[in-house]
Amino acid sequence: MNQGGSSGRPGQQSPQWLRYLALFPLVVGAAVFSVFFLAAAVFLFLLTAVGFGLRLWWVRRRSHTAASGVHGQPLEGEFTVVRDKPPDHDGSGGWPRR
């Protein structure tokens, strides 16, 4: 009995190693494609993370600068408080009670 899978007769199956040889380029191609796909996904994830990190840094930097004033000095100036109605003495802040 021939273990190779082929007895030389027509209509018989091809040897097992020949099937593996034919599938080898497909398996290698799928592996290479998978590696490139994974690399692209990781790159996009890192690019997004860096973008969000830079945006967060920028917003925190601007809010910290605005809170501390210009060049670290507190903001000074005149201002006027505007209300629709003078405040009541009951602590409601000028809003009608319900």
Protein backbone atom coordinates (compact mmCIF):
# COMPACT_ATOMS: atom_id res chain seq x y z
CA MET A 1 0.00 0.00 0.00
CA ASN A 2 1.34 3.40 -0.97
CA GLN A 3 1.26 5.93 1.90
CA GLY A 4 1.95 8.91 -0.41
CA GLY A 5 -1.67 9.00 -1.53
CA SER A 6 -0.99 8.29 -5.19
CA SER A 7 -0.71 4.91 -6.83
CA GLY A 8 -0.14 6.39 -10.26
CA ARG A 9 -3.61 5.49 -11.52
CA PRO A 10 -5.72 8.18 -13.20
CA GLY A 11 -8.46 9.72 -11.02
CA GLN A 12 -6.54 9.12 -7.80
CA GLN A 13 -5.85 11.91 -5.32
CA SER A 14 -2.64 13.86 -5.51
CA PRO A 15 -0.01 13.32 -2.81
CA GLN A 16 -0.54 15.10 0.51
CA TRP A 17 2.69 17.09 0.22
CA LEU A 18 1.53 18.47 -3.12
CA ARG A 19 -1.60 19.88 -1.47
CA TYR A 20 0.48 21.50 1.24
CA LEU A 21 2.80 22.92 -1.40
CA ALA A 22 -0.16 24.44 -3.23
CA LEU A 23 -1.66 25.93 -0.02
CA PHE A 24 1.67 27.29 1.24
CA PRO A 25 1.55 30.56 -0.80
CA LEU A 26 -2.03 31.19 0.37
CA VAL A 27 -1.10 30.70 4.02
CA VAL A 28 1.99 32.90 3.71
CA GLY A 29 0.00 35.57 1.86
CA ALA A 30 -2.71 35.54 4.54
CA ALA A 31 -0.07 35.82 7.29
CA VAL A 32 1.66 38.75 5.57
CA PHE A 33 -1.68 40.47 4.97
CA SER A 34 -2.61 39.93 8.64
CA VAL A 35 0.66 41.43 9.84
CA PHE A 36 0.20 44.53 7.67
CA PHE A 37 -3.43 44.88 8.76
CA LEU A 38 -2.45 44.59 12.43
CA ALA A 39 0.38 47.10 11.96
CA ALA A 40 -2.02 49.57 10.30
CA ALA A 41 -4.57 49.14 13.11
CA VAL A 42 -1.91 49.68 15.79
CA PHE A 43 -0.59 52.74 13.92
CA LEU A 44 -4.07 54.27 13.69
CA PHE A 45 -4.72 53.57 17.37
CA LEU A 46 -1.44 55.21 18.39
CA LEU A 47 -2.06 58.17 16.09
CA THR A 48 -5.50 58.66 17.63
CA ALA A 49 -4.13 58.33 21.16
CA VAL A 50 -1.40 60.90 20.46
CA GLY A 51 -3.98 63.24 18.93
CA PHE A 52 -6.26 62.99 21.95
CA GLY A 53 -3.28 63.40 24.28
CA LEU A 54 -2.12 66.54 22.50
CA ARG A 55 -5.66 67.95 22.52
CA LEU A 56 -6.01 67.26 26.25
CA TRP A 57 -2.62 68.85 26.93
CA TRP A 58 -3.56 71.91 24.87
CA VAL A 59 -6.94 72.39 26.60
CA ARG A 60 -5.41 71.98 30.07
CA ARG A 61 -2.61 74.38 29.17
CA ARG A 62 -5.05 77.03 27.93
CA SER A 63 -7.37 76.68 30.92
CA HIS A 64 -4.42 76.87 33.33
CA THR A 65 -3.07 79.96 31.54
CA ALA A 66 -6.50 81.65 31.61
CA ALA A 67 -6.94 80.88 35.31
CA SER A 68 -3.54 82.25 36.26
CA GLY A 69 -3.88 85.45 34.21
CA VAL A 70 -1.40 87.02 31.85
CA HIS A 71 2.20 86.00 32.55
CA GLY A 72 1.22 84.53 35.90
CA GLN A 73 -0.33 87.77 37.16
CA PRO A 74 -3.99 87.79 38.24
CA LEU A 75 -6.43 89.59 35.99
CA GLU A 76 -7.48 92.98 37.31
CA GLY A 77 -10.07 95.44 36.09
CA GLU A 78 -13.43 97.02 36.67
CA PHE A 79 -16.62 95.06 36.36
CA THR A 80 -20.33 95.57 36.90
CA VAL A 81 -22.74 92.95 38.19
CA VAL A 82 -25.95 93.03 36.17
CA ARG A 83 -29.17 91.51 37.56
CA ASP A 84 -32.73 91.55 36.30
CA LYS A 85 -34.11 92.36 39.72
CA PRO A 86 -32.48 93.57 42.96
CA PRO A 87 -31.81 90.72 45.37
CA ASP A 88 -34.35 90.06 48.08
CA HIS A 89 -33.28 89.75 51.66
CA ASP A 90 -34.76 86.28 51.91
CA GLY A 91 -31.74 84.65 50.22
CA SER A 92 -33.52 83.79 46.95
CA GLY A 93 -31.11 85.90 44.90
CA GLY A 94 -33.87 88.00 43.36
CA TRP A 95 -35.76 85.10 41.84
CA PRO A 96 -39.47 84.71 42.61
CA ARG A 97 -40.49 81.98 45.02
CA ARG A 98 -42.81 79.20 44.01
